[in-house]
N, C-alpha and C. Protein backbone atom coordinates (compact mmCIF):
# COMPACT_ATOMS: atom_id res chain seq x y z
N MET A 1 -21.55 -0.59 13.40
CA MET A 1 -21.33 -1.18 12.46
C MET A 1 -21.47 -0.98 11.08
N SER A 2 -20.71 -1.05 10.19
CA SER A 2 -21.47 -0.63 8.47
C SER A 2 -21.72 -1.99 8.49
N ASP A 3 -22.76 -1.35 7.46
CA ASP A 3 -22.79 -2.44 6.31
C ASP A 3 -22.15 -2.61 4.78
N ALA A 4 -20.88 -1.57 4.81
CA ALA A 4 -20.63 -1.09 3.32
C ALA A 4 -19.53 -2.38 3.21
N PRO A 5 -19.05 -2.97 2.11
CA PRO A 5 -18.39 -4.20 2.05
C PRO A 5 -17.00 -3.39 2.33
N ALA A 6 -15.91 -4.47 2.30
CA ALA A 6 -14.70 -4.01 2.45
C ALA A 6 -14.06 -3.67 1.47
N LEU A 7 -12.60 -3.39 1.43
CA LEU A 7 -12.02 -2.64 0.27
C LEU A 7 -12.06 -3.83 -0.51
N GLY A 8 -12.49 -3.58 -1.99
CA GLY A 8 -12.45 -4.96 -2.79
C GLY A 8 -13.35 -5.89 -3.22
N GLU A 9 -14.46 -5.54 -2.00
CA GLU A 9 -15.24 -6.44 -2.08
C GLU A 9 -17.02 -5.41 -2.58
N GLY A 10 -17.18 -6.47 -3.04
CA GLY A 10 -19.36 -5.22 -3.10
C GLY A 10 -19.20 -5.57 -4.84
N PRO A 11 -20.19 -5.51 -5.42
CA PRO A 11 -20.56 -4.95 -6.43
C PRO A 11 -19.88 -3.95 -6.89
N ILE A 12 -19.55 -4.09 -9.00
CA ILE A 12 -19.06 -3.51 -9.41
C ILE A 12 -19.93 -2.21 -10.20
N GLN A 13 -19.13 -0.87 -9.53
CA GLN A 13 -20.11 0.07 -10.20
C GLN A 13 -18.77 1.14 -11.21
N ASP A 14 -20.02 1.01 -11.95
CA ASP A 14 -18.70 2.30 -12.99
C ASP A 14 -19.23 3.87 -12.61
N VAL A 15 -17.90 4.45 -12.90
CA VAL A 15 -18.01 5.31 -12.47
C VAL A 15 -17.28 6.34 -13.70
N SER A 16 -17.28 7.73 -13.53
CA SER A 16 -16.47 8.32 -14.44
C SER A 16 -15.19 9.14 -13.38
N LEU A 17 -13.74 9.05 -14.25
CA LEU A 17 -13.10 10.28 -13.69
C LEU A 17 -12.01 10.72 -14.62
N SER A 18 -10.99 12.17 -14.07
CA SER A 18 -10.82 13.13 -15.72
C SER A 18 -9.69 12.52 -14.77
N LEU A 19 -8.63 12.43 -16.26
CA LEU A 19 -7.11 12.49 -15.67
C LEU A 19 -6.71 13.37 -16.95
N HIS A 20 -5.29 14.04 -16.31
CA HIS A 20 -4.43 14.81 -17.86
C HIS A 20 -4.05 13.26 -18.43
N GLU A 21 -3.81 13.98 -19.74
CA GLU A 21 -3.87 13.59 -20.95
C GLU A 21 -2.64 12.98 -20.82
N GLY A 22 -0.87 13.51 -19.64
CA GLY A 22 0.07 12.41 -19.56
C GLY A 22 -0.37 11.52 -18.60
N THR A 23 -0.87 11.14 -17.61
CA THR A 23 -1.30 10.64 -16.83
C THR A 23 -1.98 9.55 -17.72
N LEU A 24 -2.79 9.71 -18.39
CA LEU A 24 -3.77 8.73 -18.86
C LEU A 24 -3.10 7.99 -19.59
N ALA A 25 -1.40 8.24 -20.43
CA ALA A 25 -1.05 7.99 -21.96
C ALA A 25 0.00 6.82 -20.42
N ALA A 26 0.62 7.59 -19.39
CA ALA A 26 1.60 6.53 -18.35
C ALA A 26 0.59 5.44 -18.39
N LEU A 27 -0.84 5.70 -17.90
CA LEU A 27 -1.22 4.27 -17.17
C LEU A 27 -1.67 3.34 -18.70
N GLU A 28 -2.16 3.77 -19.64
CA GLU A 28 -2.16 2.67 -20.82
C GLU A 28 -0.90 2.09 -20.85
N LYS A 29 0.09 2.86 -20.97
CA LYS A 29 1.49 2.04 -20.70
C LYS A 29 1.37 0.48 -19.50
N ARG A 30 1.37 1.11 -18.84
CA ARG A 30 1.26 -0.06 -17.78
C ARG A 30 0.12 -0.78 -17.02
N MET A 31 -0.99 -0.48 -17.80
CA MET A 31 -2.27 -1.22 -17.35
C MET A 31 -1.85 -2.88 -18.24
N GLY A 32 -1.44 -3.07 -19.11
CA GLY A 32 -1.35 -4.42 -19.83
C GLY A 32 -2.69 -5.11 -20.15
N GLU A 33 -2.74 -6.50 -20.18
CA GLU A 33 -3.91 -7.17 -20.51
C GLU A 33 -4.89 -6.95 -19.37
N ARG A 34 -4.87 -6.46 -18.27
CA ARG A 34 -6.10 -6.82 -17.30
C ARG A 34 -6.90 -5.91 -17.50
N GLY A 35 -6.43 -4.02 -18.45
CA GLY A 35 -7.51 -3.51 -18.59
C GLY A 35 -7.14 -2.34 -17.80
N MET A 36 -7.71 -1.19 -18.17
CA MET A 36 -7.74 0.40 -17.22
C MET A 36 -8.50 0.35 -15.88
N SER A 37 -9.83 -0.45 -15.71
CA SER A 37 -10.41 -0.85 -14.43
C SER A 37 -9.74 -1.48 -13.26
N ALA A 38 -9.22 -3.03 -13.91
CA ALA A 38 -8.45 -3.24 -13.05
C ALA A 38 -6.93 -2.33 -12.45
N TYR A 39 -6.45 -2.08 -13.72
CA TYR A 39 -5.55 -0.77 -12.66
C TYR A 39 -5.95 -0.44 -11.81
N VAL A 40 -6.80 0.36 -11.79
CA VAL A 40 -7.15 1.85 -11.29
C VAL A 40 -7.42 1.05 -10.25
N GLU A 41 -8.35 -0.06 -10.13
CA GLU A 41 -8.63 -0.48 -8.82
C GLU A 41 -7.49 -0.86 -8.01
N ASP A 42 -6.62 -2.22 -8.67
CA ASP A 42 -5.39 -2.15 -7.87
C ASP A 42 -4.75 -0.68 -6.73
N LEU A 43 -4.81 0.26 -8.07
CA LEU A 43 -4.15 1.34 -7.10
C LEU A 43 -4.84 1.83 -6.37
N ILE A 44 -6.10 2.10 -5.81
CA ILE A 44 -6.43 2.53 -4.99
C ILE A 44 -6.55 1.56 -4.46
N GLN A 45 -6.92 0.53 -4.38
CA GLN A 45 -6.44 -0.27 -3.42
C GLN A 45 -5.52 -0.31 -2.18
N ARG A 46 -4.35 0.41 -3.14
CA ARG A 46 -2.86 -0.24 -2.44
C ARG A 46 -2.48 1.24 -1.67
N GLN A 47 -3.40 2.34 -2.29
CA GLN A 47 -3.12 3.52 -1.68
C GLN A 47 -4.07 3.76 -0.57
N VAL A 48 -4.91 3.01 -0.07
CA VAL A 48 -6.51 3.59 0.78
C VAL A 48 -5.54 2.10 2.18
N GLU A 49 -4.97 1.16 1.55
CA GLU A 49 -3.99 0.23 2.00
C GLU A 49 -2.98 1.43 3.15
N ARG A 50 -2.03 1.52 2.32
CA ARG A 50 -0.91 2.28 2.90
C ARG A 50 -1.25 3.71 3.66
N GLU A 51 -2.96 4.35 3.33
CA GLU A 51 -3.14 5.18 4.48
C GLU A 51 -3.79 4.39 5.78
N HIS A 52 -3.94 3.40 5.38
CA HIS A 52 -4.40 2.73 6.81
C HIS A 52 -3.10 2.12 7.61
N LEU A 53 -1.90 1.60 7.28
CA LEU A 53 -1.03 1.89 7.43
C LEU A 53 -0.52 2.89 8.47
N ARG A 54 -0.42 3.96 7.74
CA ARG A 54 -0.07 5.50 7.78
C ARG A 54 -0.74 5.64 9.09
N GLU A 55 -1.87 5.45 9.62
CA GLU A 55 -2.83 5.75 10.46
C GLU A 55 -2.67 5.14 11.45
N LEU A 56 -2.11 4.01 10.85
CA LEU A 56 -1.71 2.59 12.78
C LEU A 56 -0.05 2.81 12.99
N ILE A 57 0.44 3.36 12.16
CA ILE A 57 1.72 3.98 12.82
C ILE A 57 1.91 5.59 13.50
N GLU A 58 0.61 6.40 13.25
CA GLU A 58 0.57 6.98 13.79
C GLU A 58 0.22 7.04 14.90
N TRP A 59 -1.15 6.02 15.22
CA TRP A 59 -1.23 5.59 16.41
C TRP A 59 -0.57 5.37 17.30
N ALA A 60 0.39 4.24 16.31
CA ALA A 60 1.88 3.24 17.67
C ALA A 60 2.43 4.25 18.06
N GLU A 61 2.44 5.89 17.38
CA GLU A 61 3.79 6.68 17.90
C GLU A 61 2.96 7.48 19.13
N ALA A 62 2.20 8.14 18.74
CA ALA A 62 1.19 8.91 19.90
C ALA A 62 1.30 8.39 20.48
N GLU A 63 0.57 6.19 20.82
CA GLU A 63 1.07 5.91 22.02
C GLU A 63 2.47 5.50 22.69
N HIS A 64 3.10 4.69 22.29
CA HIS A 64 4.17 4.42 22.74
C HIS A 64 5.81 5.25 22.27
N GLY A 65 5.50 5.99 21.61
CA GLY A 65 6.48 7.10 20.82
C GLY A 65 6.90 6.33 19.96
N PRO A 66 7.94 7.88 19.58
CA PRO A 66 8.77 7.57 17.93
C PRO A 66 9.35 6.09 17.87
N VAL A 67 9.21 5.20 17.03
CA VAL A 67 10.15 4.12 16.65
C VAL A 67 11.95 4.48 16.40
N ASP A 68 12.64 4.09 17.15
CA ASP A 68 13.90 4.15 17.01
C ASP A 68 14.70 3.90 15.84
N PRO A 69 15.14 4.65 14.97
CA PRO A 69 15.52 4.57 13.56
C PRO A 69 16.96 3.22 13.72
N VAL A 70 17.69 3.46 14.71
CA VAL A 70 19.00 2.66 14.55
C VAL A 70 18.19 0.85 14.57
N SER A 71 17.24 0.81 15.68
CA SER A 71 16.37 -0.32 15.53
C SER A 71 15.31 -0.63 14.01
N VAL A 72 14.96 0.16 13.74
CA VAL A 72 14.50 0.10 12.36
C VAL A 72 15.31 -0.42 11.13
N GLN A 73 16.80 0.24 11.07
CA GLN A 73 18.21 -0.08 10.21
C GLN A 73 17.87 -1.43 10.38
N ALA A 74 17.92 -2.01 12.21
CA ALA A 74 18.59 -3.58 12.39
C ALA A 74 17.53 -4.49 12.49
N LYS A 75 16.37 -4.28 12.01
CA LYS A 75 15.29 -5.25 11.34
C LYS A 75 15.64 -4.98 10.28
N ARG A 76 15.70 -4.05 9.25
CA ARG A 76 15.93 -3.73 7.84
C ARG A 76 16.64 -4.89 7.40
N ALA A 77 17.79 -4.99 8.24
CA ALA A 77 19.14 -5.49 7.89
C ALA A 77 18.94 -6.97 7.84
N ILE A 78 18.48 -7.61 9.11
CA ILE A 78 17.73 -8.63 9.44
C ILE A 78 16.41 -9.21 8.23
N LEU A 79 15.79 -8.40 7.63
CA LEU A 79 14.68 -8.72 6.59
C LEU A 79 15.98 -9.19 5.24
N ARG A 80 16.45 -8.32 5.28
CA ARG A 80 17.43 -8.73 4.24
C ARG A 80 18.41 -9.41 3.72
N GLY A 81 18.55 -10.24 5.03
CA GLY A 81 19.89 -11.10 4.80
C GLY A 81 21.02 -10.58 5.46
N GLU A 82 21.08 -9.48 5.80
CA GLU A 82 22.50 -8.48 5.94
C GLU A 82 23.27 -8.74 7.17
N ALA A 83 22.36 -8.63 8.17
CA ALA A 83 22.53 -8.87 9.64
C ALA A 83 23.16 -10.42 10.13
N GLU A 84 24.79 -9.92 10.59
CA GLU A 84 25.42 -11.41 11.25
C GLU A 84 24.41 -12.72 11.97
N GLY A 85 24.01 -13.56 11.65
CA GLY A 85 23.30 -14.84 12.25
C GLY A 85 22.00 -14.10 11.92
N SER A 86 21.37 -13.38 10.39
CA SER A 86 20.04 -13.42 9.88
C SER A 86 19.91 -14.74 9.11
N ALA A 87 20.16 -15.96 9.18
CA ALA A 87 19.39 -17.00 8.35
C ALA A 87 18.89 -17.64 9.88
N ASP A 88 19.54 -17.37 11.33
CA ASP A 88 19.07 -18.06 12.16
C ASP A 88 17.74 -17.08 12.65
N ALA A 89 17.78 -15.66 12.09
CA ALA A 89 16.41 -14.82 12.61
C ALA A 89 15.55 -15.26 11.22
N ALA A 90 15.25 -15.50 10.39
CA ALA A 90 14.37 -15.90 9.17
C ALA A 90 13.61 -16.75 9.22
């Protein structure tokens, strides 16, 4: 068991990073009032969460086989309210 803080928890530490000028300019346009540190923190947390989700999907597909694309489209239609009877499903 690890004593390391969970993603987004624990004390804040100063770090240094290097970015391309164009990347920095795009970042500065998007970060708004929260500031660069908060914006980059959110980006990194989302990326780590996506990587964890990808690992979970890969594990599930190894255990149970690939997901049926037709089934995925049907579930998306339900979530978007596009499927017949979707109001009952929600």
